Protein backbone atom coordinates (compact mmCIF):
# COMPACT_ATOMS: atom_id res chain seq x y z
CA MET A 1 141.80 116.91 92.50
CA SER A 2 141.14 114.29 89.84
CA THR A 3 141.76 110.68 90.15
CA SER A 4 141.89 109.77 86.25
CA VAL A 5 141.43 111.67 82.95
CA ASP A 6 140.05 110.15 79.73
CA THR A 7 140.06 111.84 76.68
CA ASP A 8 138.35 110.75 73.13
CA THR A 9 136.85 111.56 70.22
CA ILE A 10 133.24 110.22 70.16
CA ALA A 11 130.79 110.35 66.90
CA THR A 12 127.45 108.41 67.40
CA ASP A 13 124.44 107.64 64.96
CA ALA A 14 122.71 110.74 64.42
CA SER A 15 119.32 110.88 63.03
CA PRO A 16 119.10 109.57 59.18
CA ASP A 17 119.14 113.01 57.65
CA LYS A 18 122.03 114.27 60.16
CA ALA A 19 125.71 113.07 60.16
CA PRO A 20 127.00 112.15 63.41
CA LEU A 21 128.66 114.98 65.45
CA GLN A 22 132.27 114.88 66.02
CA LEU A 23 133.46 115.60 69.75
CA GLU A 24 136.26 115.82 71.88
CA VAL A 25 135.66 114.65 75.44
CA THR A 26 137.55 114.89 78.38
CA VAL A 27 136.49 112.99 81.56
CA GLU A 28 137.66 113.66 85.17
CA LYS A 29 136.96 111.39 87.67
CA PRO A 30 136.83 113.11 91.21
CA HIS A 31 135.48 110.30 93.02
CA ALA A 32 133.47 106.88 92.32
CA CYS A 33 129.82 108.54 91.72
CA LEU A 34 130.66 111.61 89.84
CA ARG A 35 132.49 112.46 86.39
CA GLU A 36 133.16 116.24 85.51
CA VAL A 37 132.80 116.41 81.44
CA VAL A 38 134.43 118.71 79.29
CA VAL A 39 133.20 118.65 75.72
CA SER A 40 134.72 120.62 72.68
CA ILE A 41 132.80 120.72 69.28
CA PRO A 42 135.05 121.82 66.46
CA ARG A 43 134.04 124.85 64.47
CA GLY A 44 133.45 122.96 61.33
CA GLU A 45 130.65 121.28 63.27
CA VAL A 46 129.38 124.46 64.72
CA GLU A 47 129.21 125.86 61.31
CA ARG A 48 127.58 122.79 59.92
CA TYR A 49 124.79 123.32 62.46
CA LEU A 50 124.51 127.01 61.50
CA LYS A 51 124.14 126.44 57.80
CA ASP A 52 121.41 123.92 58.62
CA ALA A 53 119.35 126.10 60.68
CA TYR A 54 119.60 129.08 58.20
CA ASP A 55 118.94 126.81 55.35
CA GLU A 56 115.92 125.55 57.25
CA LEU A 57 114.71 129.22 58.01
CA VAL A 58 115.51 131.03 54.72
CA PRO A 59 112.88 129.75 52.54
CA GLU A 60 110.16 130.87 55.23
CA ALA A 61 111.57 133.91 56.58
CA GLN A 62 109.49 136.93 56.70
CA VAL A 63 111.45 140.30 56.32
CA PRO A 64 110.02 143.58 55.92
CA GLY A 65 109.91 144.71 52.11
CA PHE A 66 110.50 141.20 50.71
CA ARG A 67 107.80 138.33 49.97
CA ALA A 68 108.21 135.23 52.25
CA GLY A 69 111.23 133.37 51.73
CA ARG A 70 112.74 135.92 49.16
CA ALA A 71 114.80 138.01 51.25
CA PRO A 72 118.75 137.86 50.59
CA ARG A 73 120.31 134.78 52.75
CA LYS A 74 122.89 137.83 54.14
CA LEU A 75 119.68 139.85 55.27
CA VAL A 76 118.22 136.83 56.94
CA GLU A 77 121.37 135.78 58.78
CA LYS A 78 121.83 139.41 59.91
CA GLN A 79 118.32 139.98 61.00
CA PHE A 80 117.74 136.44 62.72
CA LYS A 81 121.34 135.84 64.05
CA ASP A 82 120.46 135.88 67.79
CA ARG A 83 117.60 133.63 67.40
CA ILE A 84 119.40 131.19 65.14
CA GLU A 85 122.46 131.02 67.54
CA GLU A 86 120.38 130.45 70.73
CA ARG A 87 118.57 127.44 68.69
CA VAL A 88 121.98 126.03 67.32
CA LYS A 89 123.25 126.38 70.73
CA GLY A 90 120.54 124.36 72.13
CA SER A 91 120.69 121.58 69.43
CA LEU A 92 124.56 121.22 69.91
CA LEU A 93 124.15 120.90 73.48
CA MET A 94 121.10 118.47 73.29
CA ASP A 95 123.01 116.39 70.61
CA SER A 96 126.46 116.43 72.26
CA LEU A 97 125.07 115.64 75.65
CA SER A 98 122.82 112.78 74.23
CA GLN A 99 126.15 111.19 72.81
CA VAL A 100 128.14 111.60 75.56
CA THR A 101 125.95 110.05 77.98
CA GLU A 102 125.01 107.08 75.38
CA LYS A 103 128.52 106.17 74.49
CA ALA A 104 130.79 107.16 77.56
CA GLU A 105 132.10 104.36 79.65
CA PHE A 106 129.98 105.48 82.68
CA SER A 107 126.41 104.92 83.49
CA ALA A 108 124.68 108.07 84.33
CA ILE A 109 122.23 108.03 87.41
CA GLY A 110 121.34 111.57 87.14
CA GLU A 111 120.82 114.59 84.61
CA PRO A 112 123.80 116.60 83.52
CA ASP A 113 124.24 119.47 85.92
CA PHE A 114 125.00 122.69 84.01
CA GLU A 115 124.03 126.47 83.93
CA TYR A 116 122.34 127.06 80.42
CA GLU A 117 122.69 130.36 80.41
CA SER A 118 126.15 130.70 81.24
CA ILE A 119 127.05 128.68 77.86
CA GLU A 120 127.63 130.95 74.86
CA LEU A 121 128.17 130.02 71.22
CA PRO A 122 131.28 131.50 70.44
CA GLU A 123 132.12 133.88 67.24
CA ASP A 124 134.84 131.46 66.04
CA GLY A 125 136.71 128.45 67.20
CA PRO A 126 135.48 125.46 68.99
CA PHE A 127 132.38 125.62 71.13
CA LYS A 128 133.23 124.33 74.73
CA PHE A 129 131.26 123.65 77.72
CA GLN A 130 131.59 121.48 80.78
CA PHE A 131 129.07 119.60 83.15
CA LYS A 132 128.98 117.54 85.99
CA ILE A 133 126.99 114.26 86.30
CA GLU A 134 126.44 111.50 88.77
CA VAL A 135 127.24 107.95 87.69
CA ARG A 136 126.86 104.57 89.13
CA PRO A 137 129.74 103.27 90.87
CA GLU A 138 132.14 100.85 88.97
CA PHE A 139 132.61 97.23 90.71
CA GLU A 140 132.79 93.76 89.74
CA THR A 141 129.26 92.05 89.64
CA PRO A 142 129.22 89.53 92.66
CA ASN A 143 128.42 86.05 91.95
CA TRP A 144 124.89 85.82 92.85
CA LYS A 145 123.80 82.07 91.99
CA GLY A 146 123.58 79.44 94.50
CA LEU A 147 123.49 81.36 97.49
CA GLU A 148 122.46 79.77 100.67
CA LEU A 149 119.26 81.42 102.15
CA LYS A 150 116.64 80.70 104.71
CA LYS A 151 113.37 82.08 104.02
CA PRO A 152 110.98 83.19 107.02
CA VAL A 153 107.39 81.93 106.40
CA GLU A 154 104.53 83.79 108.45
CA GLU A 155 101.22 82.45 108.95
CA VAL A 156 97.93 84.74 109.27
CA ASN A 157 95.62 83.44 111.63
CA ASP A 158 91.95 84.70 112.93
CA LYS A 159 93.26 86.33 115.85
CA ASP A 160 95.67 88.53 113.54
CA VAL A 161 92.47 89.27 111.59
CA ASP A 162 90.61 90.50 114.55
CA GLN A 163 93.23 92.73 115.93
CA ALA A 164 93.78 94.36 112.49
CA LEU A 165 89.98 95.00 112.14
CA GLU A 166 90.03 96.35 115.29
CA ARG A 167 92.64 98.97 114.23
CA VAL A 168 90.66 99.54 110.98
CA LEU A 169 87.59 100.40 112.97
CA SER A 170 89.40 102.41 115.35
CA ARG A 171 90.32 104.93 112.51
CA TYR A 172 86.67 105.30 112.01
CA ALA A 173 85.58 105.69 115.79
CA SER A 174 83.63 108.54 116.85
CA LEU A 175 85.47 110.82 119.39
CA GLU A 176 83.86 112.48 122.26
CA ALA A 177 85.44 115.08 124.60
CA SER A 178 85.67 113.74 127.88
CA GLU A 179 86.11 115.02 131.33
CA GLU A 180 87.62 111.63 132.63
CA PRO A 181 91.37 111.12 132.57
CA ALA A 182 93.34 109.68 129.79
CA GLU A 183 93.81 105.91 129.43
CA LEU A 184 96.11 103.90 126.73
CA GLY A 185 94.32 104.00 123.51
CA ASP A 186 92.26 107.22 123.93
CA LYS A 187 93.33 110.16 121.93
CA VAL A 188 94.54 113.56 123.35
CA LEU A 189 94.87 116.85 121.74
CA VAL A 190 97.93 118.53 122.79
CA THR A 191 100.30 121.11 122.14
CA ALA A 192 104.09 121.01 123.00
CA VAL A 193 107.34 122.97 123.87
CA PHE A 194 110.75 121.28 123.46
CA LYS A 195 113.83 122.70 125.28
CA ASP A 196 117.28 122.44 125.73
CA GLY A 197 117.65 124.04 129.28
CA ASP A 198 116.63 127.39 128.91
CA LYS A 199 116.84 127.31 124.98
CA LYS A 200 113.65 126.71 123.22
CA LEU A 201 114.11 124.47 120.24
CA SER A 202 110.68 123.86 118.84
CA GLU A 203 106.90 124.32 119.32
CA MET A 204 104.12 121.46 118.33
CA ASP A 205 101.01 123.31 117.47
CA GLU A 206 97.61 121.34 118.31
CA GLU A 207 98.33 117.40 117.59
CA ARG A 208 95.80 114.60 117.92
CA VAL A 209 97.74 111.90 119.41
CA THR A 210 96.87 108.36 120.52
CA VAL A 211 97.90 107.62 124.06
CA ALA A 212 100.37 104.85 123.40
CA ASN A 213 103.50 103.76 125.63
CA ARG A 214 105.90 105.70 123.11
CA LEU A 215 105.64 108.73 121.15
CA SER A 216 107.72 108.76 117.93
CA LEU A 217 108.63 111.99 116.72
CA SER A 218 110.42 112.57 113.15
CA ASP A 219 113.71 113.27 115.40
CA ALA A 220 113.17 111.94 118.26
CA ILE A 221 111.34 109.49 120.85
CA CYS A 222 109.42 110.11 124.04
CA GLU A 223 109.55 106.48 125.87
CA SER A 224 107.49 107.32 128.53
CA PHE A 225 104.59 109.02 126.79
CA GLY A 226 101.91 106.68 128.11
CA GLU A 227 103.01 106.80 131.64
CA MET A 228 102.99 110.57 131.29
CA MET A 229 99.76 110.80 129.67
CA THR A 230 97.58 108.05 131.47
CA GLY A 231 95.40 109.99 134.18
CA ALA A 232 95.91 113.39 132.28
CA LYS A 233 92.77 115.54 131.90
CA GLU A 234 91.92 118.74 129.87
CA GLY A 235 94.08 121.66 130.97
CA ASP A 236 96.93 119.59 132.40
CA VAL A 237 100.51 120.52 131.80
CA ILE A 238 102.87 117.71 131.61
CA THR A 239 106.66 117.64 131.64
CA GLY A 240 108.91 114.85 130.55
CA LYS A 241 111.77 114.04 128.29
CA VAL A 242 112.43 113.24 124.85
CA LYS A 243 115.57 111.60 123.47
CA LEU A 244 117.28 113.03 120.13
CA SER A 245 117.93 110.66 117.41
CA ASP A 246 121.57 109.94 116.40
CA GLY A 247 121.10 111.22 113.29
CA GLN A 248 121.44 114.94 114.33
CA GLU A 249 123.96 116.96 112.44
CA ASP A 250 124.90 118.61 115.60
CA GLU A 251 127.26 116.16 117.33
CA GLU A 252 126.66 117.65 120.72
CA LEU A 253 122.74 116.71 120.25
CA LYS A 254 123.02 113.24 119.01
CA GLY A 255 121.05 110.91 121.42
CA LYS A 256 120.61 113.65 124.02
CA GLU A 257 117.51 113.83 126.23
CA VAL A 258 115.83 117.39 126.05
CA ASP A 259 112.81 118.58 127.90
CA ALA A 260 109.08 118.40 126.90
CA GLU A 261 106.21 120.24 128.05
CA PHE A 262 102.86 119.07 126.82
CA THR A 263 99.47 120.81 127.40
CA VAL A 264 96.52 118.71 127.34
CA VAL A 265 93.69 120.52 125.25
CA GLU A 266 91.46 117.99 125.28
CA VAL A 267 90.91 114.20 126.31
CA LEU A 268 88.90 112.07 123.52
CA LYS A 269 87.23 108.94 124.01
CA LEU A 270 86.81 106.46 121.29
CA GLU A 271 83.41 104.70 120.16
CA LEU A 272 83.92 101.98 117.45
CA PRO A 273 81.38 101.93 114.85
CA LYS A 274 79.04 99.14 114.63
CA LEU A 275 79.36 97.09 111.29
CA THR A 276 76.14 97.75 109.81
CA GLY A 277 75.40 97.49 106.08
CA GLU A 278 75.46 101.53 105.72
CA PHE A 279 78.86 101.62 107.31
CA LEU A 280 80.36 98.62 105.39
CA ASP A 281 79.32 100.10 102.20
CA GLU A 282 80.74 103.58 103.34
CA LEU A 283 83.85 101.82 104.12
CA GLY A 284 84.63 100.45 101.01
CA GLU A 285 81.48 98.83 99.28
CA PHE A 286 81.70 95.65 101.45
CA GLU A 287 78.68 93.62 101.10
CA SER A 288 79.16 91.90 104.26
CA GLU A 289 81.39 91.26 107.56
CA ASP A 290 82.80 88.40 106.03
CA GLU A 291 84.06 90.27 102.68
CA LEU A 292 85.64 92.74 104.95
CA ARG A 293 87.54 90.26 107.08
CA ASP A 294 88.88 88.82 103.66
CA PHE A 295 90.05 92.24 102.74
CA VAL A 296 91.67 92.52 105.85
CA ARG A 297 93.32 89.30 105.65
CA SER A 298 94.60 89.80 102.24
CA SER A 299 96.05 93.10 103.67
CA LEU A 300 98.10 91.13 106.34
CA GLU A 301 98.97 88.42 103.96
CA ARG A 302 100.57 91.06 101.92
CA GLN A 303 102.43 92.48 105.01
CA ALA A 304 103.57 88.86 105.64
CA ASN A 305 104.91 88.61 102.44
CA PHE A 306 106.61 91.98 102.44
CA ARG A 307 108.14 91.29 105.74
CA THR A 308 109.57 87.86 104.14
CA GLU A 309 110.65 89.57 100.99
CA GLN A 310 112.52 92.05 103.22
CA ALA A 311 114.22 89.32 104.91
CA MET A 312 115.26 87.60 101.87
CA ARG A 313 116.57 90.76 100.53
CA ASN A 314 118.39 91.47 103.39
CA GLU A 315 120.11 88.30 103.36
CA ILE A 316 120.61 88.26 99.96
CA VAL A 317 122.27 91.73 99.90
CA SER A 318 124.57 91.08 102.77
CA GLN A 319 125.99 88.35 100.95
CA LEU A 320 126.39 90.34 97.79
CA LEU A 321 127.89 93.29 99.65
CA ALA A 322 130.43 91.18 101.45
CA SER A 323 132.22 90.67 97.82
CA SER A 324 131.74 93.96 96.72
CA GLU A 325 133.16 97.38 97.70
CA PHE A 326 132.89 101.02 96.27
CA GLU A 327 132.64 104.36 97.90
CA LEU A 328 129.61 106.44 98.06
CA PRO A 329 130.26 110.18 98.53
CA PRO A 330 128.30 111.76 101.30
CA SER A 331 126.84 114.55 98.94
CA LEU A 332 125.15 111.80 96.99
CA VAL A 333 123.76 110.00 99.80
CA ARG A 334 122.41 113.30 101.39
CA ARG A 335 120.57 114.40 97.96
CA GLN A 336 119.13 110.68 97.97
CA MET A 337 117.67 110.65 101.03
CA LYS A 338 114.32 111.90 100.28
CA ARG A 339 113.96 109.95 97.11
CA GLU A 340 114.86 106.69 99.21
CA LEU A 341 112.23 107.39 101.76
CA ASP A 342 109.48 107.89 99.04
CA ARG A 343 110.28 104.69 97.62
CA LYS A 344 110.18 103.01 100.93
CA VAL A 345 106.83 104.48 101.53
CA MET A 346 105.66 103.61 98.20
CA GLU A 347 106.80 100.01 98.80
CA PHE A 348 104.82 99.90 102.39
CA ARG A 349 101.65 101.12 100.55
CA ARG A 350 101.52 98.63 98.06
CA SER A 351 102.33 96.09 100.80
CA GLY A 352 99.21 96.79 102.70
CA PHE A 353 100.67 98.96 105.82
CA ASP A 354 98.27 101.54 107.10
CA GLU A 355 99.39 105.21 107.46
CA ASP A 356 99.97 104.92 111.37
CA MET A 357 102.50 102.30 110.70
CA ILE A 358 103.85 104.05 107.67
CA ARG A 359 104.45 107.20 110.11
CA ARG A 360 106.31 105.08 112.57
CA PHE A 361 108.42 103.61 109.72
CA VAL A 362 109.29 106.98 108.42
CA ASN A 363 110.03 108.37 111.93
CA ALA A 364 112.40 105.58 112.72
CA ASN A 365 114.27 105.91 109.13
CA ARG A 366 114.61 109.86 109.76
CA GLN A 367 116.07 109.25 112.84
CA ASN A 368 119.12 107.20 111.23
CA MET A 369 118.61 108.52 107.43
CA GLN A 370 122.06 108.87 106.46
CA ALA A 371 123.25 105.24 107.20
CA GLY A 372 119.85 103.80 106.19
CA THR A 373 120.36 105.78 102.72
CA GLU A 374 123.68 104.69 102.47
CA ALA A 375 122.98 101.16 102.82
CA SER A 376 119.88 101.32 100.42
CA LEU A 377 121.94 103.02 97.69
CA ARG A 378 124.52 99.87 97.77
CA GLU A 379 121.72 97.69 97.69
CA HIS A 380 120.41 99.54 94.47
CA PHE A 381 123.69 99.65 92.58
CA ILE A 382 124.31 96.04 92.94
CA LEU A 383 120.73 95.01 92.29
CA GLU A 384 120.66 97.54 89.21
CA GLN A 385 123.81 95.86 87.66
CA ILE A 386 122.45 92.55 88.05
CA ALA A 387 119.41 93.69 86.56
CA GLU A 388 121.16 95.27 83.51
CA ASN A 389 123.51 92.09 83.03
CA GLU A 390 120.23 89.96 83.07
CA GLU A 391 118.10 92.23 80.97
CA VAL A 392 115.75 92.61 83.73
CA ASP A 393 113.07 95.71 83.45
CA ALA A 394 109.99 96.60 84.48
CA LEU A 395 106.76 96.02 82.07
CA PRO A 396 103.65 98.20 81.40
CA GLU A 397 101.43 95.97 83.09
CA GLU A 398 103.78 95.61 86.06
CA PHE A 399 103.32 99.43 86.61
CA GLU A 400 99.50 98.81 86.39
CA THR A 401 99.62 96.26 88.83
CA GLU A 402 101.66 98.04 91.78
CA ILE A 403 99.43 101.23 90.84
CA GLN A 404 96.22 99.24 91.43
CA LEU A 405 97.70 97.69 94.60
CA ILE A 406 98.58 101.31 95.98
CA ALA A 407 95.31 102.65 95.15
CA GLU A 408 93.33 99.90 96.80
CA GLN A 409 95.23 100.68 99.92
CA SER A 410 95.27 104.42 99.87
CA ASP A 411 91.30 104.17 99.15
CA SER A 412 91.92 106.11 95.94
CA SER A 413 91.77 105.51 92.22
CA PRO A 414 94.56 104.29 89.91
CA ARG A 415 93.97 107.19 87.73
CA LYS A 416 94.84 109.59 90.51
CA ILE A 417 97.65 107.54 91.87
CA ARG A 418 99.16 107.53 88.62
CA ALA A 419 98.78 111.21 88.21
CA ARG A 420 100.33 111.87 91.40
CA TYR A 421 103.01 109.97 90.88
CA GLU A 422 103.79 111.18 87.54
CA LYS A 423 103.73 114.62 88.57
CA SER A 424 106.01 114.19 91.46
CA GLY A 425 108.49 112.29 89.40
CA GLN A 426 107.88 108.79 91.37
CA MET A 427 107.40 106.93 88.52
CA ASP A 428 111.01 106.08 88.18
CA ALA A 429 111.19 105.05 92.08
CA LEU A 430 108.20 102.78 91.06
CA ARG A 431 110.44 101.25 88.36
CA ASN A 432 113.35 100.54 90.72
CA GLN A 433 110.80 98.94 93.16
CA ILE A 434 109.78 96.51 90.54
CA VAL A 435 113.02 95.81 88.96
CA GLU A 436 114.74 95.09 92.23
CA ARG A 437 111.93 92.76 93.75
CA LYS A 438 112.29 90.98 90.18
CA VAL A 439 115.88 90.55 90.65
CA ILE A 440 115.56 89.30 94.42
CA GLU A 441 112.97 86.88 93.10
CA MET A 442 115.59 85.87 90.35
CA ILE A 443 118.46 85.43 92.75
CA SER A 444 116.08 83.34 95.04
CA GLY A 445 114.90 81.24 92.34
CA ALA A 446 118.70 80.44 91.83
CA ALA A 447 119.33 79.89 95.53
CA ASN A 448 119.36 77.16 97.85
CA VAL A 449 116.38 78.02 100.10
CA THR A 450 115.43 76.54 103.70
CA GLU A 451 111.96 77.46 104.68
CA GLU A 452 111.58 78.29 108.34
CA LYS A 453 108.25 78.98 109.95
CA VAL A 454 108.43 82.06 112.24
CA GLU A 455 105.75 83.68 114.66
CA LYS A 456 105.09 87.49 114.04
CA GLU A 457 105.94 89.11 117.21
CA ALA A 458 102.98 90.36 119.04
CA GLU A 459 102.43 94.12 118.40
CA SER A 460 100.21 96.04 120.85
CA GLU A 461 98.00 98.86 119.33
CA ASN A 462 99.38 100.84 122.13
CA ASP A 463 103.11 100.23 121.75
CA GLU A 464 103.87 103.50 119.96
CA PHE A 465 102.05 106.26 118.21
CA ALA A 466 103.97 108.46 115.42
CA ILE A 467 103.58 111.90 114.46
CA TYR A 468 105.63 114.18 112.05
CA HIS A 469 107.37 116.89 114.10
CA GLU A 470 111.06 117.90 114.21
CA VAL A 471 112.20 118.75 117.62
CA ILE A 472 115.21 120.21 116.05
CA PRO A 473 113.98 122.06 112.61
CA THR A 474 116.06 121.21 109.77
CA ARG A 475 117.80 123.71 107.90
CA ASP A 476 117.62 124.26 104.29
CA THR A 477 121.02 123.76 102.85
CA ASP A 478 122.29 123.00 99.64
CA ALA A 479 123.61 119.51 99.57
CA ILE A 480 124.64 119.70 95.94
CA PRO A 481 128.41 120.42 95.82
CA GLU A 482 129.81 123.76 94.77
CA ALA A 483 130.45 123.90 90.97
CA LYS A 484 133.91 123.27 89.60
CA TYR A 485 133.66 126.83 87.80
CA ASP A 486 131.64 129.86 88.11
CA ASP A 487 130.03 129.07 84.96
CA ASN A 488 130.05 126.43 82.50
CA THR A 489 133.11 127.43 80.72
CA PRO A 490 135.90 124.97 80.69
CA LYS A 491 139.29 125.83 81.95
CA GLY A 492 141.67 127.44 79.72
CA ALA A 493 138.58 128.73 77.57
CA GLU A 494 138.25 132.04 79.21
CA THR A 495 137.38 134.98 77.04
CA GLU A 496 139.54 137.62 75.48
CA MET A 497 138.43 140.30 78.04
CA GLU A 498 139.01 137.99 80.73
CA LYS A 499 142.62 137.48 79.65
CA ASP A 500 142.84 141.07 79.39
CA SER A 501 141.69 141.76 82.99
CA ASP A 502 143.98 139.09 84.25
CA SER A 503 146.89 140.82 82.65
CA GLU A 504 146.05 144.11 84.23
């Protein structure tokens, strides 16, 4: 059911050699973040586009029996009719969509959703088609100047660097199979079976896991993993419980404890590498241990700055959200889940977090993904609206800085990172990340800020280890709502054949 309908005639500036396209546009608002648009292009405009297309073709058309460009126009029109009409259909769609999205009173956040092949150029009468498009919700921009904020400030000390350096070295440690029992900090090669009573939920293939107090899975936590694995030897079968996340779609499975059976394939003991010149060069062309420590300290400082930025962002957004209410449809939230997770992972990488930490973050977020994504979308819409109002955008050199930081942390080249992001469509997420950070800095600069020194909570290396495995495998479902029509023909524009069949 639509909540409102807007009808208007739109004409915009076209290219210098083409007059504006006249359109009749009807916009329905089924909910805050979706518009259903019906476009009607008068017959005169269709004929104009057809004439222009034939005018361009006739001087060059090659028709058997005639020299190029010398065939009679009617013969050219007859021979190339299908090709020209397909081209004109594409031009009318492209030009009209551009005009609608540029001049309409909504701000699109996605591409128009329609089935191109279902749209046909009519022999007579207006050309009509419809599409859906996701839009930014409409709300009044909250007052963001003069907020009262507390800024937590962390200091990185030598002890922090020592612990972080040990974590770095552990990733390059040699692993030796051992008949000795496993201890916290060792690695074990395990397989697993997860069951709910007699029902098998999933199996995990061989996975190399650090023996930590907790094991984090994509949709569950094994709180007693360290206790279960301490003392385990090769060939042991160990049973315990894992607790499913509250983000399960099945209400009966939310927060439920299910059985886990781990089989220890191998126990592996770690031996940290020596900081020789050869190893330092292999690690990252470091010339000395001091240079490596400086690099580690820099990463820790970026992490501390990230936590400070996140704390400031959370405080700012909570104050802005308190004065802005708008609806977010569940379908939009579901579609944005992976995109939002990708964006946050990118932000973690540029802030110096290693892959073990990122896996823990990803699993924690997946387990309550819908609520987290909804909160992040609300933040994004508010910060994006402020950015638009204040003309804040990402500059080319800021993209380069972000890519350089991610490349350094990923031990890859900036060229490869950029190519990967462009191929996967993540450059837009990178742009949002830059813009939102600039808006937060702008709001912080206009706020009354009180600094507070905080101590980073001590985190043992053996507190938690994360792996990507779903105890309850997700089913592939189409989160996109069903189309309003079977094809993209607007209501009331059915063909004569359909009318005839209805009357029968």
